Protein backbone atom coordinates (compact mmCIF):
# COMPACT_ATOMS: atom_id res chain seq x y z
CA UNK A 1 -22.97 57.31 62.50
CA UNK A 2 -21.57 54.14 61.10
CA UNK A 3 -24.61 52.10 62.47
CA UNK A 4 -26.81 52.01 59.10
CA UNK A 5 -23.64 51.49 56.37
CA UNK A 6 -23.08 48.19 59.12
CA UNK A 7 -26.47 46.99 58.72
CA UNK A 8 -26.75 47.89 55.18
CA UNK A 9 -23.15 45.70 54.03
CA UNK A 10 -24.66 42.96 56.41
CA UNK A 11 -27.78 43.15 54.72
CA UNK A 12 -26.12 42.69 51.45
CA UNK A 13 -23.63 39.61 52.33
CA UNK A 14 -27.04 37.90 53.51
CA UNK A 15 -28.89 38.19 50.15
CA UNK A 16 -25.48 37.38 48.14
CA UNK A 17 -25.09 34.20 50.34
CA UNK A 18 -29.06 33.90 50.07
CA UNK A 19 -28.36 33.60 46.24
CA UNK A 20 -25.80 31.27 46.27
CA UNK A 21 -27.54 28.32 48.42
CA UNK A 22 -30.16 28.88 45.96
CA UNK A 23 -28.47 28.66 43.05
CA UNK A 24 -26.41 25.71 45.06
CA UNK A 25 -29.46 23.91 45.54
CA UNK A 26 -31.47 23.92 42.10
CA UNK A 27 -28.09 22.83 40.52
CA UNK A 28 -27.76 19.99 42.95
CA UNK A 29 -31.42 19.18 42.73
CA UNK A 30 -31.13 18.95 39.03
CA UNK A 31 -28.02 16.92 39.21
CA UNK A 32 -30.02 14.43 41.27
CA UNK A 33 -32.92 14.61 38.78
CA UNK A 34 -30.73 13.91 35.95
CA UNK A 35 -28.76 11.11 37.85
CA UNK A 36 -31.29 8.71 36.43
CA UNK A 37 -31.27 9.92 33.07
CA UNK A 38 -27.33 9.92 32.76
CA UNK A 39 -27.18 5.74 34.08
CA UNK A 40 -29.93 5.45 31.28
CA UNK A 41 -27.27 7.19 29.11
CA UNK A 42 -24.02 5.29 30.32
CA UNK A 43 -26.30 2.26 30.08
CA UNK A 44 -27.26 2.28 26.49
CA UNK A 45 -23.56 2.94 26.09
CA UNK A 46 -22.45 -0.08 27.82
CA UNK A 47 -25.01 -1.97 25.79
CA UNK A 48 -23.89 -0.83 22.55
CA UNK A 49 -20.53 -2.50 23.36
CA UNK A 50 -21.87 -5.56 24.07
CA UNK A 51 -23.59 -5.63 21.08
CA UNK A 52 -21.56 -4.37 18.93
CA UNK A 53 -18.38 -6.92 19.99
CA UNK A 54 -20.76 -9.52 19.22
CA UNK A 55 -21.78 -8.38 16.49
CA UNK A 56 -18.42 -8.18 14.90
CA UNK A 57 -17.91 -11.71 16.03
CA UNK A 58 -20.59 -12.86 14.22
CA UNK A 59 -19.75 -10.92 10.99
CA UNK A 60 -16.38 -12.51 10.73
CA UNK A 61 -17.77 -15.65 11.13
CA UNK A 62 -20.48 -14.96 8.69
CA UNK A 63 -17.66 -13.58 6.44
CA UNK A 64 -15.18 -16.32 7.54
CA UNK A 65 -16.97 -18.73 5.30
CA UNK A 66 -16.94 -16.94 2.56
CA UNK A 67 -13.86 -16.08 -0.26
CA UNK A 68 -13.48 -12.15 0.77
CA UNK A 69 -10.06 -11.42 1.80
CA UNK A 70 -8.81 -10.73 4.52
CA UNK A 71 -8.22 -6.97 4.20
CA UNK A 72 -12.19 -6.32 2.85
CA UNK A 73 -13.09 -8.71 6.40
CA UNK A 74 -11.76 -6.05 8.59
CA UNK A 75 -14.00 -3.31 6.82
CA UNK A 76 -16.98 -4.80 6.82
CA UNK A 77 -16.51 -5.36 11.24
CA UNK A 78 -14.80 -1.69 10.85
CA UNK A 79 -18.24 -0.47 9.40
CA UNK A 80 -20.45 -2.51 11.38
CA UNK A 81 -18.83 -1.88 14.38
CA UNK A 82 -18.73 2.13 13.78
CA UNK A 83 -22.68 1.96 12.79
CA UNK A 84 -22.93 0.12 15.94
CA UNK A 85 -21.48 3.09 17.80
CA UNK A 86 -23.07 5.67 16.36
CA UNK A 87 -26.17 4.69 16.55
CA UNK A 88 -25.82 4.07 20.39
CA UNK A 89 -23.95 7.64 20.68
CA UNK A 90 -26.75 8.99 19.38
CA UNK A 91 -29.50 7.34 21.33
CA UNK A 92 -27.58 8.27 24.81
CA UNK A 93 -27.73 11.99 23.39
CA UNK A 94 -31.46 12.06 22.96
CA UNK A 95 -31.81 10.76 26.43
CA UNK A 96 -30.09 12.63 27.72
CA UNK A 97 -31.28 15.99 25.91
CA UNK A 98 -34.71 15.00 25.41
CA UNK A 99 -34.67 18.59 22.79
CA UNK A 100 -32.65 15.90 20.38
CA UNK A 101 -34.22 14.83 17.40
CA UNK A 102 -32.82 12.47 14.84
CA UNK A 103 -32.93 14.90 12.68
CA UNK A 104 -31.20 17.16 14.06
CA UNK A 105 -28.62 14.74 15.40
CA UNK A 106 -27.94 14.10 11.26
CA UNK A 107 -27.69 17.71 10.79
CA UNK A 108 -25.07 18.69 13.41
CA UNK A 109 -23.08 15.34 12.34
CA UNK A 110 -23.31 17.16 8.55
CA UNK A 111 -22.06 19.86 9.65
CA UNK A 112 -19.45 18.85 12.07
CA UNK A 113 -18.39 16.20 8.95
CA UNK A 114 -17.72 18.96 6.40
CA UNK A 115 -16.07 21.15 9.18
CA UNK A 116 -14.26 17.85 10.36
CA UNK A 117 -13.36 17.17 6.37
CA UNK A 118 -11.78 20.37 5.57
CA UNK A 119 -9.51 20.26 8.24
CA UNK A 120 -8.19 16.57 8.43
CA UNK A 121 -8.34 16.81 4.05
CA UNK A 122 -5.57 14.51 3.90
CA UNK A 123 -6.36 12.01 6.74
CA UNK A 124 -9.95 11.50 5.20
CA UNK A 125 -8.25 10.83 1.21
CA UNK A 126 -6.25 8.40 2.54
CA UNK A 127 -9.11 6.63 4.68
CA UNK A 128 -11.37 6.61 1.77
CA UNK A 129 -8.55 5.47 -1.07
CA UNK A 130 -7.89 2.51 1.75
CA UNK A 131 -11.96 1.87 1.31
CA UNK A 132 -11.26 1.60 -2.15
CA UNK A 133 -8.44 -0.27 -2.38
CA UNK A 134 -9.86 -3.26 0.35
CA UNK A 135 -13.04 -3.33 -1.93
CA UNK A 136 -11.24 -4.06 -5.55
CA UNK A 137 -10.24 -7.07 -6.26
CA UNK A 138 -6.66 -6.75 -6.91
CA UNK A 139 -3.58 -5.86 -5.41
CA UNK A 140 -4.14 -8.49 -2.47
CA UNK A 141 -1.28 -9.27 1.47
CA UNK A 142 0.93 -11.41 -0.54
CA UNK A 143 1.72 -9.51 -3.63
CA UNK A 144 4.57 -7.98 -4.76
CA UNK A 145 4.19 -4.01 -6.39
CA UNK A 146 6.17 -1.21 -7.98
CA UNK A 147 4.50 2.30 -7.11
CA UNK A 148 6.41 5.49 -7.63
CA UNK A 149 9.76 4.40 -6.42
CA UNK A 150 8.44 1.96 -4.18
CA UNK A 151 9.00 -1.96 -4.31
CA UNK A 152 7.90 -4.72 -2.19
CA UNK A 153 5.71 -7.15 -0.86
CA UNK A 154 2.17 -6.27 0.59
CA UNK A 155 2.08 -6.98 3.89
CA UNK A 156 -0.63 -5.11 5.78
CA UNK A 157 -3.32 -2.76 4.37
CA UNK A 158 -5.17 -0.79 6.92
CA UNK A 159 -7.87 1.90 6.48
CA UNK A 160 -4.79 5.07 6.26
CA UNK A 161 -1.66 3.33 5.13
CA UNK A 162 -0.29 -0.20 3.65
CA UNK A 163 2.60 -1.39 4.58
CA UNK A 164 4.97 -2.67 1.75
CA UNK A 165 8.18 -4.96 2.55
CA UNK A 166 11.52 -4.45 0.14
CA UNK A 167 12.89 -7.60 -1.07
CA UNK A 168 15.88 -6.26 0.88
CA UNK A 169 13.69 -6.36 4.40
CA UNK A 170 12.92 -2.62 4.64
CA UNK A 171 9.61 -1.99 5.43
CA UNK A 172 7.76 1.24 4.10
CA UNK A 173 4.45 2.98 5.48
CA UNK A 174 2.67 4.26 2.30
CA UNK A 175 -0.53 6.45 2.18
CA UNK A 176 -3.38 4.94 0.54
CA UNK A 177 -3.96 7.93 -1.56
CA UNK A 178 -0.99 7.35 -3.12
CA UNK A 179 -1.23 3.50 -4.30
CA UNK A 180 -4.85 4.66 -5.49
CA UNK A 181 -3.93 8.00 -7.29
CA UNK A 182 -1.03 6.48 -9.11
CA UNK A 183 -0.35 3.24 -11.53
CA UNK A 184 0.51 0.21 -9.53
CA UNK A 185 2.29 -2.60 -11.37
CA UNK A 186 1.34 -5.99 -9.50
CA UNK A 187 4.20 -7.88 -10.69
CA UNK A 188 2.38 -11.21 -8.92
CA UNK A 189 -0.88 -11.23 -10.29
CA UNK A 190 0.04 -14.05 -12.17
CA UNK A 191 1.09 -17.17 -10.84
CA UNK A 192 4.01 -16.99 -13.79
CA UNK A 193 5.29 -13.98 -15.85
CA UNK A 194 7.84 -14.02 -17.95
CA UNK A 195 12.02 -13.40 -18.01
CA UNK A 196 14.43 -12.61 -20.46
CA UNK A 197 18.19 -12.00 -21.07
CA UNK A 198 20.45 -11.13 -23.65
CA UNK A 199 23.52 -13.38 -25.18
CA UNK A 200 25.44 -12.21 -27.40
CA UNK A 201 27.70 -14.65 -29.55
CA UNK A 202 30.77 -13.53 -31.86
CA UNK A 203 30.11 -12.55 -35.90
CA UNK A 204 31.63 -15.86 -37.11
CA UNK A 205 29.05 -18.21 -35.17
CA UNK A 206 26.75 -19.75 -36.90
CA UNK A 207 23.16 -17.90 -35.93
CA UNK A 208 21.14 -21.05 -36.50
CA UNK A 209 23.43 -23.12 -34.72
CA UNK A 210 23.88 -20.68 -31.70
CA UNK A 211 20.00 -20.59 -31.38
CA UNK A 212 19.50 -24.43 -30.94
CA UNK A 213 22.40 -24.72 -28.33
CA UNK A 214 20.73 -21.89 -26.38
CA UNK A 215 17.22 -23.74 -26.59
CA UNK A 216 18.85 -26.31 -25.55
CA UNK A 217 20.17 -24.88 -22.96
CA UNK A 218 17.39 -23.85 -21.52
CA UNK A 219 15.09 -26.40 -22.02
CA UNK A 220 17.44 -28.43 -19.61
CA UNK A 221 16.40 -26.26 -16.96
CA UNK A 222 14.08 -27.07 -13.96
CA UNK A 223 11.51 -24.89 -12.90
CA UNK A 224 10.65 -22.95 -16.69
CA UNK A 225 7.46 -23.26 -18.59
CA UNK A 226 7.89 -25.33 -21.62
CA UNK A 227 3.84 -25.41 -22.40
CA UNK A 228 4.45 -21.48 -22.82
CA UNK A 229 7.19 -21.69 -25.10
CA UNK A 230 10.73 -20.20 -25.46
CA UNK A 231 11.78 -17.52 -27.66
CA UNK A 232 15.00 -16.56 -28.86
CA UNK A 233 15.19 -13.69 -31.24
CA UNK A 234 18.64 -12.71 -32.75
CA UNK A 235 17.98 -8.88 -31.65
CA UNK A 236 20.89 -6.71 -33.22
CA UNK A 237 24.25 -6.17 -34.37
CA UNK A 238 26.61 -5.34 -31.28
CA UNK A 239 29.87 -3.37 -31.45
CA UNK A 240 31.71 -6.67 -30.72
CA UNK A 241 28.97 -9.57 -31.04
CA UNK A 242 25.57 -9.99 -32.50
CA UNK A 243 23.24 -10.04 -29.12
CA UNK A 244 20.37 -12.93 -28.77
CA UNK A 245 17.33 -11.88 -27.17
CA UNK A 246 16.10 -14.91 -24.63
CA UNK A 247 12.80 -15.13 -23.23
CA UNK A 248 10.60 -17.80 -21.05
CA UNK A 249 8.28 -18.34 -18.09
CA UNK A 250 8.45 -19.33 -14.76
CA UNK A 251 7.07 -18.24 -11.08
CA UNK A 252 6.08 -14.63 -10.60
CA UNK A 253 7.82 -14.42 -7.03
CA UNK A 254 10.64 -12.73 -7.10
CA UNK A 255 13.10 -15.29 -6.03
CA UNK A 256 11.44 -17.94 -8.65
CA UNK A 257 12.78 -14.79 -11.05
CA UNK A 258 16.18 -14.19 -9.89
CA UNK A 259 16.85 -17.92 -9.40
CA UNK A 260 15.26 -18.76 -12.82
CA UNK A 261 17.46 -16.20 -14.42
CA UNK A 262 20.42 -17.54 -12.38
CA UNK A 263 20.30 -21.33 -13.87
CA UNK A 264 19.38 -20.30 -17.55
CA UNK A 265 22.66 -18.03 -17.73
CA UNK A 266 24.64 -20.60 -16.08
CA UNK A 267 23.45 -23.53 -18.52
CA UNK A 268 23.57 -20.82 -21.80
CA UNK A 269 27.43 -20.13 -20.76
CA UNK A 270 27.78 -24.12 -20.39
CA UNK A 271 26.11 -24.92 -23.63
CA UNK A 272 28.08 -22.47 -25.86
CA UNK A 273 31.09 -23.21 -24.05
CA UNK A 274 30.68 -27.40 -25.21
CA UNK A 275 29.73 -26.04 -28.00
CA UNK A 276 32.55 -23.92 -29.14
CA UNK A 277 30.86 -20.81 -29.45
CA UNK A 278 32.63 -17.84 -28.53
CA UNK A 279 30.63 -14.99 -26.28
CA UNK A 280 33.16 -12.61 -27.31
CA UNK A 281 34.61 -9.59 -25.20
CA UNK A 282 34.19 -6.01 -26.33
CA UNK A 283 36.91 -5.28 -28.76
CA UNK A 284 38.87 -2.64 -29.07
CA UNK A 285 41.23 -1.95 -32.79
CA UNK A 286 43.85 0.82 -32.18
CA UNK A 287 45.07 2.37 -36.33
CA UNK A 288 48.59 4.24 -35.70
CA UNK A 289 49.51 6.87 -38.70
CA UNK A 290 52.90 7.25 -39.24
CA UNK A 291 53.70 10.95 -39.41
CA UNK A 292 55.23 12.97 -42.40
CA UNK A 293 57.40 15.77 -41.10
CA UNK A 294 56.26 18.79 -42.06
CA UNK A 295 57.99 20.60 -45.16
CA UNK A 296 58.73 17.55 -46.89
CA UNK A 297 56.47 15.81 -49.82
CA UNK A 298 56.26 13.45 -52.15
CA UNK A 299 59.76 13.24 -54.28
CA UNK A 300 61.61 15.45 -51.82
CA UNK A 301 64.28 14.31 -50.00
CA UNK A 302 65.58 15.15 -46.79
């Protein structure tokens, strides 16, 4: 009674083994037949890498002969490499999967780009801002800038972020979207910029004489652009002095400004001292009122 059951089980096992063997054989044959195609696709990718490397070198030589900024040259090289790799990967995909067409690939890339764009919105926003920053003429590497409380020298501009080194040495990595969407003050856009300082003289000073002394002191300082003129304005009546606003032009670098102001203040102080003109401290006047005892008035005796 058990023999038919054993025979049936044995028959089913043979059928399963045969089916597995058939599937494995088909998979192996498919792999063997696909090997030449995979090899061709790999060769295409290797050639793409070689061509992309050569194209970047050629682009670097061509852009190096122009007056393009380094950041813009890097952008052009990156776009050339990206375009060649995209073309190579698409060609390799069409070789491996013959049913694919350029139209279907571009459609798939479009849908994928939308999905990735929503998922990585901030990253793509900074990327696009970096491209636009590199394309515009202003804010070069080496400029000193101020933006949203960030103050320092631009050291490096990438497609996603900008490196700003503060004047005290700290490095701030700023997302490009911040620099693109907010006002940026470029302090070194021109070779020179105007500085100012306020000087107070006492009220008994002849203001015309004081202005002349200050002007001569400023003109004696090295590094001042006299062609752009020196402005000396009596600005306001302060609590203990009449204040002059002194303005002059010097180098736009941060150190130029500090050194220029240091020399100007020293020269003005020395000039006013030599002329006997006082730079007053704030005066405080105390008034004392005699207290009259209560109950006593005019004509009353204590």
